Protein backbone atom coordinates (compact mmCIF):
# COMPACT_ATOMS: atom_id res chain seq x y z
CA UNK A 1 -25.85 9.74 11.50
CA UNK A 2 -23.34 9.92 8.58
CA UNK A 3 -24.45 12.00 5.45
CA UNK A 4 -24.58 9.93 2.45
CA UNK A 5 -24.78 11.39 -1.02
CA UNK A 6 -25.85 8.84 -4.26
CA UNK A 7 -22.64 9.35 -6.21
CA UNK A 8 -22.75 6.63 -9.10
CA UNK A 9 -20.27 4.86 -11.06
CA UNK A 10 -19.80 4.35 -14.64
CA UNK A 11 -17.44 1.50 -15.82
CA UNK A 12 -13.91 2.78 -16.34
CA UNK A 13 -13.57 0.83 -19.41
CA UNK A 14 -15.97 -0.64 -22.10
CA UNK A 15 -15.04 -3.97 -23.82
CA UNK A 16 -15.83 -4.34 -27.53
CA UNK A 17 -15.27 -6.65 -30.33
CA UNK A 18 -15.72 -6.88 -33.79
CA UNK A 19 -16.24 -9.71 -36.10
CA UNK A 20 -14.95 -9.40 -39.59
CA UNK A 21 -15.94 -11.69 -42.34
CA UNK A 22 -14.68 -12.07 -45.83
CA UNK A 23 -11.54 -12.22 -47.53
CA UNK A 24 -8.48 -10.07 -45.98
CA UNK A 25 -5.23 -9.48 -46.99
CA UNK A 26 -2.00 -10.18 -44.68
CA UNK A 27 -1.38 -6.18 -44.81
CA UNK A 28 -5.01 -5.23 -43.99
CA UNK A 29 -5.22 -7.63 -40.98
CA UNK A 30 -1.60 -6.15 -39.75
CA UNK A 31 -3.22 -2.26 -40.31
CA UNK A 32 -6.57 -3.13 -38.68
CA UNK A 33 -4.78 -4.75 -35.44
CA UNK A 34 -5.56 -2.66 -32.42
CA UNK A 35 -2.60 -1.82 -30.43
CA UNK A 36 -2.93 -0.98 -26.91
CA UNK A 37 -0.44 0.78 -24.30
CA UNK A 38 -0.04 0.16 -20.71
CA UNK A 39 -1.62 2.98 -18.80
CA UNK A 40 1.16 4.19 -16.62
CA UNK A 41 0.16 5.77 -13.34
CA UNK A 42 1.33 9.52 -12.96
CA UNK A 43 1.16 11.86 -9.86
CA UNK A 44 3.61 14.59 -8.54
CA UNK A 45 6.53 14.62 -6.04
CA UNK A 46 4.97 16.32 -3.41
CA UNK A 47 8.23 17.27 -1.68
CA UNK A 48 9.36 19.40 -4.70
CA UNK A 49 6.39 20.73 -6.16
CA UNK A 50 5.53 24.71 -5.64
CA UNK A 51 3.54 27.77 -6.77
CA UNK A 52 5.98 30.53 -7.33
CA UNK A 53 4.30 33.61 -7.67
CA UNK A 54 5.10 36.75 -9.31
CA UNK A 55 4.27 39.98 -7.39
CA UNK A 56 6.55 42.45 -6.96
CA UNK A 57 5.80 43.28 -3.00
CA UNK A 58 5.49 39.36 -2.27
CA UNK A 59 6.81 37.15 -4.65
CA UNK A 60 5.63 34.00 -2.23
CA UNK A 61 6.36 30.50 -2.92
CA UNK A 62 3.83 27.66 -1.69
CA UNK A 63 3.95 24.59 -1.45
CA UNK A 64 1.51 22.22 -3.44
CA UNK A 65 -0.15 19.90 -0.74
CA UNK A 66 -2.80 18.41 -2.87
CA UNK A 67 -4.04 18.21 -6.43
CA UNK A 68 -8.05 17.99 -7.39
CA UNK A 69 -9.04 17.69 -11.26
CA UNK A 70 -12.72 18.31 -11.86
CA UNK A 71 -13.68 16.72 -15.06
CA UNK A 72 -16.92 17.65 -17.10
CA UNK A 73 -17.49 14.20 -18.78
CA UNK A 74 -20.04 15.65 -21.03
CA UNK A 75 -17.50 17.92 -22.77
CA UNK A 76 -14.07 16.27 -21.62
CA UNK A 77 -13.13 19.68 -20.09
CA UNK A 78 -11.25 19.23 -17.19
CA UNK A 79 -9.86 21.89 -14.70
CA UNK A 80 -6.90 21.19 -12.32
CA UNK A 81 -6.99 22.89 -8.73
CA UNK A 82 -3.94 23.11 -6.46
CA UNK A 83 -4.23 23.43 -2.78
CA UNK A 84 -0.91 24.72 -1.07
CA UNK A 85 0.00 24.22 2.47
CA UNK A 86 -1.33 26.56 5.00
CA UNK A 87 0.49 29.09 7.42
CA UNK A 88 -0.29 31.73 9.76
CA UNK A 89 -1.34 35.32 9.53
CA UNK A 90 1.37 37.69 9.65
CA UNK A 91 3.05 41.12 9.08
CA UNK A 92 4.77 40.29 6.20
CA UNK A 93 8.11 41.90 5.93
CA UNK A 94 7.49 43.78 9.37
CA UNK A 95 10.32 45.12 11.49
CA UNK A 96 11.33 41.93 13.47
CA UNK A 97 12.21 42.58 16.92
CA UNK A 98 10.45 45.97 17.16
CA UNK A 99 6.83 44.36 16.36
CA UNK A 100 5.74 40.80 16.49
CA UNK A 101 5.42 39.20 12.87
CA UNK A 102 2.46 37.04 13.57
CA UNK A 103 -0.92 38.84 14.34
CA UNK A 104 -2.47 38.54 17.76
CA UNK A 105 -5.57 38.02 16.68
CA UNK A 106 -4.08 34.95 14.46
CA UNK A 107 -5.84 32.97 11.98
CA UNK A 108 -4.90 29.82 9.63
CA UNK A 109 -4.24 31.13 6.16
CA UNK A 110 -4.87 28.39 3.13
CA UNK A 111 -5.06 28.94 -0.78
CA UNK A 112 -6.36 26.80 -3.45
CA UNK A 113 -5.14 27.80 -6.99
CA UNK A 114 -7.22 27.08 -10.28
CA UNK A 115 -8.48 28.46 -13.44
CA UNK A 116 -6.79 32.11 -12.95
CA UNK A 117 -8.29 31.93 -9.29
CA UNK A 118 -7.49 31.60 -6.02
CA UNK A 119 -9.79 30.65 -3.27
CA UNK A 120 -8.11 31.51 0.53
CA UNK A 121 -9.33 29.98 3.37
CA UNK A 122 -8.98 32.33 7.07
CA UNK A 123 -10.12 30.31 9.79
CA UNK A 124 -10.11 32.27 12.84
CA UNK A 125 -10.83 31.18 16.41
CA UNK A 126 -14.47 31.55 15.78
CA UNK A 127 -16.70 32.08 12.72
CA UNK A 128 -16.42 35.21 10.62
CA UNK A 129 -17.55 36.35 7.01
CA UNK A 130 -13.90 36.27 5.74
CA UNK A 131 -13.57 32.44 6.19
CA UNK A 132 -13.83 32.15 2.19
CA UNK A 133 -12.96 34.34 -0.18
CA UNK A 134 -12.16 34.27 -4.35
CA UNK A 135 -9.97 36.48 -6.04
CA UNK A 136 -8.18 36.84 -9.57
CA UNK A 137 -4.37 35.30 -9.15
CA UNK A 138 -3.30 38.71 -10.48
CA UNK A 139 -4.96 40.50 -7.57
CA UNK A 140 -3.40 38.18 -4.90
CA UNK A 141 0.53 37.72 -5.60
CA UNK A 142 0.74 38.71 -9.31
CA UNK A 143 -0.51 37.03 -12.82
CA UNK A 144 1.20 34.17 -14.67
CA UNK A 145 2.64 32.28 -11.42
CA UNK A 146 5.24 29.66 -12.25
CA UNK A 147 3.62 26.52 -11.27
CA UNK A 148 6.55 24.21 -10.70
CA UNK A 149 4.81 20.37 -10.73
CA UNK A 150 7.63 17.85 -10.54
CA UNK A 151 6.81 14.21 -11.44
CA UNK A 152 8.87 11.51 -10.08
CA UNK A 153 11.19 9.37 -12.13
CA UNK A 154 9.43 5.91 -10.96
CA UNK A 155 6.02 5.11 -9.69
CA UNK A 156 4.91 2.11 -8.42
CA UNK A 157 1.17 0.81 -7.85
CA UNK A 158 0.83 -0.64 -4.90
CA UNK A 159 -1.53 -3.34 -5.68
CA UNK A 160 -1.67 -5.39 -2.85
CA UNK A 161 -1.13 -5.27 1.04
CA UNK A 162 2.22 -6.77 1.01
CA UNK A 163 3.44 -4.32 -1.11
CA UNK A 164 1.98 -1.25 1.03
CA UNK A 165 3.28 -3.11 3.93
CA UNK A 166 6.79 -2.92 2.69
CA UNK A 167 6.59 0.56 0.93
CA UNK A 168 5.62 1.68 3.90
CA UNK A 169 8.45 0.37 6.13
CA UNK A 170 10.73 1.21 3.58
CA UNK A 171 10.07 4.70 3.80
CA UNK A 172 9.04 5.32 0.32
CA UNK A 173 7.38 8.19 -0.39
CA UNK A 174 3.70 7.19 -1.16
CA UNK A 175 0.67 9.34 -3.03
CA UNK A 176 -2.96 8.38 -3.20
CA UNK A 177 -5.63 8.76 -5.57
CA UNK A 178 -9.24 8.99 -5.00
CA UNK A 179 -11.99 9.34 -8.07
CA UNK A 180 -15.49 9.94 -7.38
CA UNK A 181 -18.22 10.83 -9.64
CA UNK A 182 -21.79 11.99 -10.25
CA UNK A 183 -23.34 10.78 -13.21
CA UNK A 184 -26.55 12.81 -13.05
CA UNK A 185 -24.44 16.17 -13.24
CA UNK A 186 -21.82 14.69 -15.31
CA UNK A 187 -19.25 15.75 -13.15
CA UNK A 188 -15.75 13.65 -11.94
CA UNK A 189 -13.28 14.56 -9.70
CA UNK A 190 -9.51 12.83 -8.90
CA UNK A 191 -8.20 14.08 -5.57
CA UNK A 192 -4.34 13.14 -5.16
CA UNK A 193 -2.29 13.86 -1.80
CA UNK A 194 0.73 12.73 -0.48
CA UNK A 195 0.21 10.08 2.06
CA UNK A 196 1.47 11.51 5.51
CA UNK A 197 -0.25 8.77 7.47
CA UNK A 198 -0.64 5.16 6.82
CA UNK A 199 -1.97 2.77 9.04
CA UNK A 200 -0.67 -1.26 8.77
CA UNK A 201 -2.00 -3.70 10.40
CA UNK A 202 0.00 -6.96 10.49
CA UNK A 203 -2.55 -8.54 12.47
CA UNK A 204 -5.82 -8.28 9.92
CA UNK A 205 -3.21 -7.48 6.80
CA UNK A 206 -5.07 -4.22 6.12
CA UNK A 207 -4.09 -0.84 5.18
CA UNK A 208 -5.48 2.23 6.16
CA UNK A 209 -4.96 6.05 4.82
CA UNK A 210 -5.71 9.22 6.82
CA UNK A 211 -4.39 12.35 5.10
CA UNK A 212 -5.25 15.89 4.17
CA UNK A 213 -6.12 18.43 3.86
CA UNK A 214 -7.45 18.16 0.78
CA UNK A 215 -9.79 20.03 -1.80
CA UNK A 216 -13.02 18.02 -1.97
CA UNK A 217 -15.58 19.22 -4.44
CA UNK A 218 -19.34 19.28 -4.28
CA UNK A 219 -20.29 17.27 -7.81
CA UNK A 220 -23.95 17.53 -6.70
CA UNK A 221 -24.50 20.32 -9.08
CA UNK A 222 -22.68 23.10 -11.17
CA UNK A 223 -21.04 25.93 -9.51
CA UNK A 224 -20.30 29.39 -11.14
CA UNK A 225 -17.33 29.78 -10.46
CA UNK A 226 -16.34 25.80 -10.19
CA UNK A 227 -13.49 26.91 -7.56
CA UNK A 228 -16.28 27.79 -5.15
CA UNK A 229 -17.47 24.34 -5.05
CA UNK A 230 -14.19 23.21 -2.90
CA UNK A 231 -14.17 22.43 0.59
CA UNK A 232 -11.22 21.41 2.83
CA UNK A 233 -11.38 17.79 3.93
CA UNK A 234 -9.41 14.99 5.18
CA UNK A 235 -9.77 11.51 3.66
CA UNK A 236 -9.32 7.87 4.84
CA UNK A 237 -9.86 4.65 2.87
CA UNK A 238 -8.77 0.93 3.41
CA UNK A 239 -10.01 -0.39 0.17
CA UNK A 240 -10.30 0.33 -3.58
CA UNK A 241 -13.88 1.26 -3.99
CA UNK A 242 -14.95 3.61 -1.05
CA UNK A 243 -13.65 6.84 0.55
CA UNK A 244 -14.65 8.42 3.78
CA UNK A 245 -14.28 12.32 4.29
CA UNK A 246 -14.60 14.32 7.03
CA UNK A 247 -14.94 17.86 5.82
CA UNK A 248 -14.51 21.19 7.80
CA UNK A 249 -17.66 23.17 8.72
CA UNK A 250 -19.28 25.47 11.09
CA UNK A 251 -19.22 23.58 14.29
CA UNK A 252 -21.28 24.37 17.50
CA UNK A 253 -19.31 24.28 20.79
CA UNK A 254 -21.34 23.10 23.79
CA UNK A 255 -20.58 23.64 27.58
CA UNK A 256 -22.97 21.62 29.62
CA UNK A 257 -25.50 21.25 26.83
CA UNK A 258 -25.49 24.81 25.98
CA UNK A 259 -23.94 26.32 22.67
CA UNK A 260 -21.64 29.08 23.53
CA UNK A 261 -19.85 29.37 20.03
CA UNK A 262 -19.24 27.98 16.51
CA UNK A 263 -16.12 27.45 15.04
CA UNK A 264 -14.94 26.19 11.86
CA UNK A 265 -13.61 22.37 12.61
CA UNK A 266 -13.45 19.07 10.48
CA UNK A 267 -16.93 17.35 11.86
CA UNK A 268 -18.99 17.24 8.39
CA UNK A 269 -18.90 13.30 7.86
CA UNK A 270 -19.46 12.39 3.97
CA UNK A 271 -18.81 8.75 2.14
CA UNK A 272 -18.92 7.87 -1.69
CA UNK A 273 -18.08 5.43 -3.48
CA UNK A 274 -14.64 5.56 -5.01
CA UNK A 275 -11.68 4.12 -7.23
CA UNK A 276 -8.90 4.53 -4.93
CA UNK A 277 -4.87 3.80 -5.83
CA UNK A 278 -1.56 3.62 -3.91
CA UNK A 279 1.37 4.76 -5.60
CA UNK A 280 4.84 4.50 -4.50
CA UNK A 281 7.37 6.85 -5.74
CA UNK A 282 10.20 4.71 -6.04
CA UNK A 283 10.36 0.79 -6.69
CA UNK A 284 9.17 -1.62 -4.05
C-alpha cells in the first residue's frame, strides 16, 4: 500500500482590499497606489553549475544535479542543499596501469552540500553502516568551496501541454520545481531538478516527468542537523498539484519467498500534495 503523509497546503497568495473614505489629494492617491511586479521564474542551468572544492590533495569539482531549499515558515529562514552527481569508489590519483583505479568492493558515492556540511551516501552491494555519513565541508574537501551556480538568461514557464510538447520536441533544456509543505511543523521545501526524462502523449494530451535523484526532506519533524532529514528519491508528476516519489530505502531481496539479503534500492513510495512548475531554459 502506498505510504501517504498528511501534508497540508497553505494558499500561495492572500488577497486584501482597503476601502478608503474621505477627501484624498491626487498626490496621496498616487503615493498610496500599490505597485506589483511580475514574479519571474528562476532556476539553475544544470549543465553549467558545479561545486569546486578547495582541498590541496583533491580539489574535486562536482556537478550539481539538483537543489532542495528547506524553508522554516515560522522564521523565514531558508537553507539550500545542493545534491551532486554520483561517482564510483576509486583509488584517487593511484598508479594507473599498475593498480586498478576502481576498488573491487565498489560502491556508489553521492554527496549533498548544505549549511557547511556534507551528507554522503555510499551504496554498496549490501546494507552497511557507512551508507550515510555527515561531515563538515572543511573535513571533506576543504573549507569555503566555490559554488558556481549559473542562471540561464531566458526562462519560460510551460503552462500548457502544447508548450511542454513543443519544448520537448525542440530539445530545449527543461527544469522542474516541486513545492511541498507540512503546516504542522512549519516546514516547506522546494525541490528543483533538470528534467532528464519527459513523457509526452499525443493521444491523451498529457505529460509526465520522471527524474532524479533528488534530495527529498522529511518535513514531518525537525531534524538536528537538518541535513540528516534528506533521502535520495526520484520524482514523477503529470499535473500541477501532486507529486509522487520513490525513495531509496533498505529493501529485502527474496528468492523463492525467502529473504536472502537486503540492499539499498528505490522502493519506498510516497505521495504529496504539491505545487509543480515546468520551466524551459529558452524561448518556446
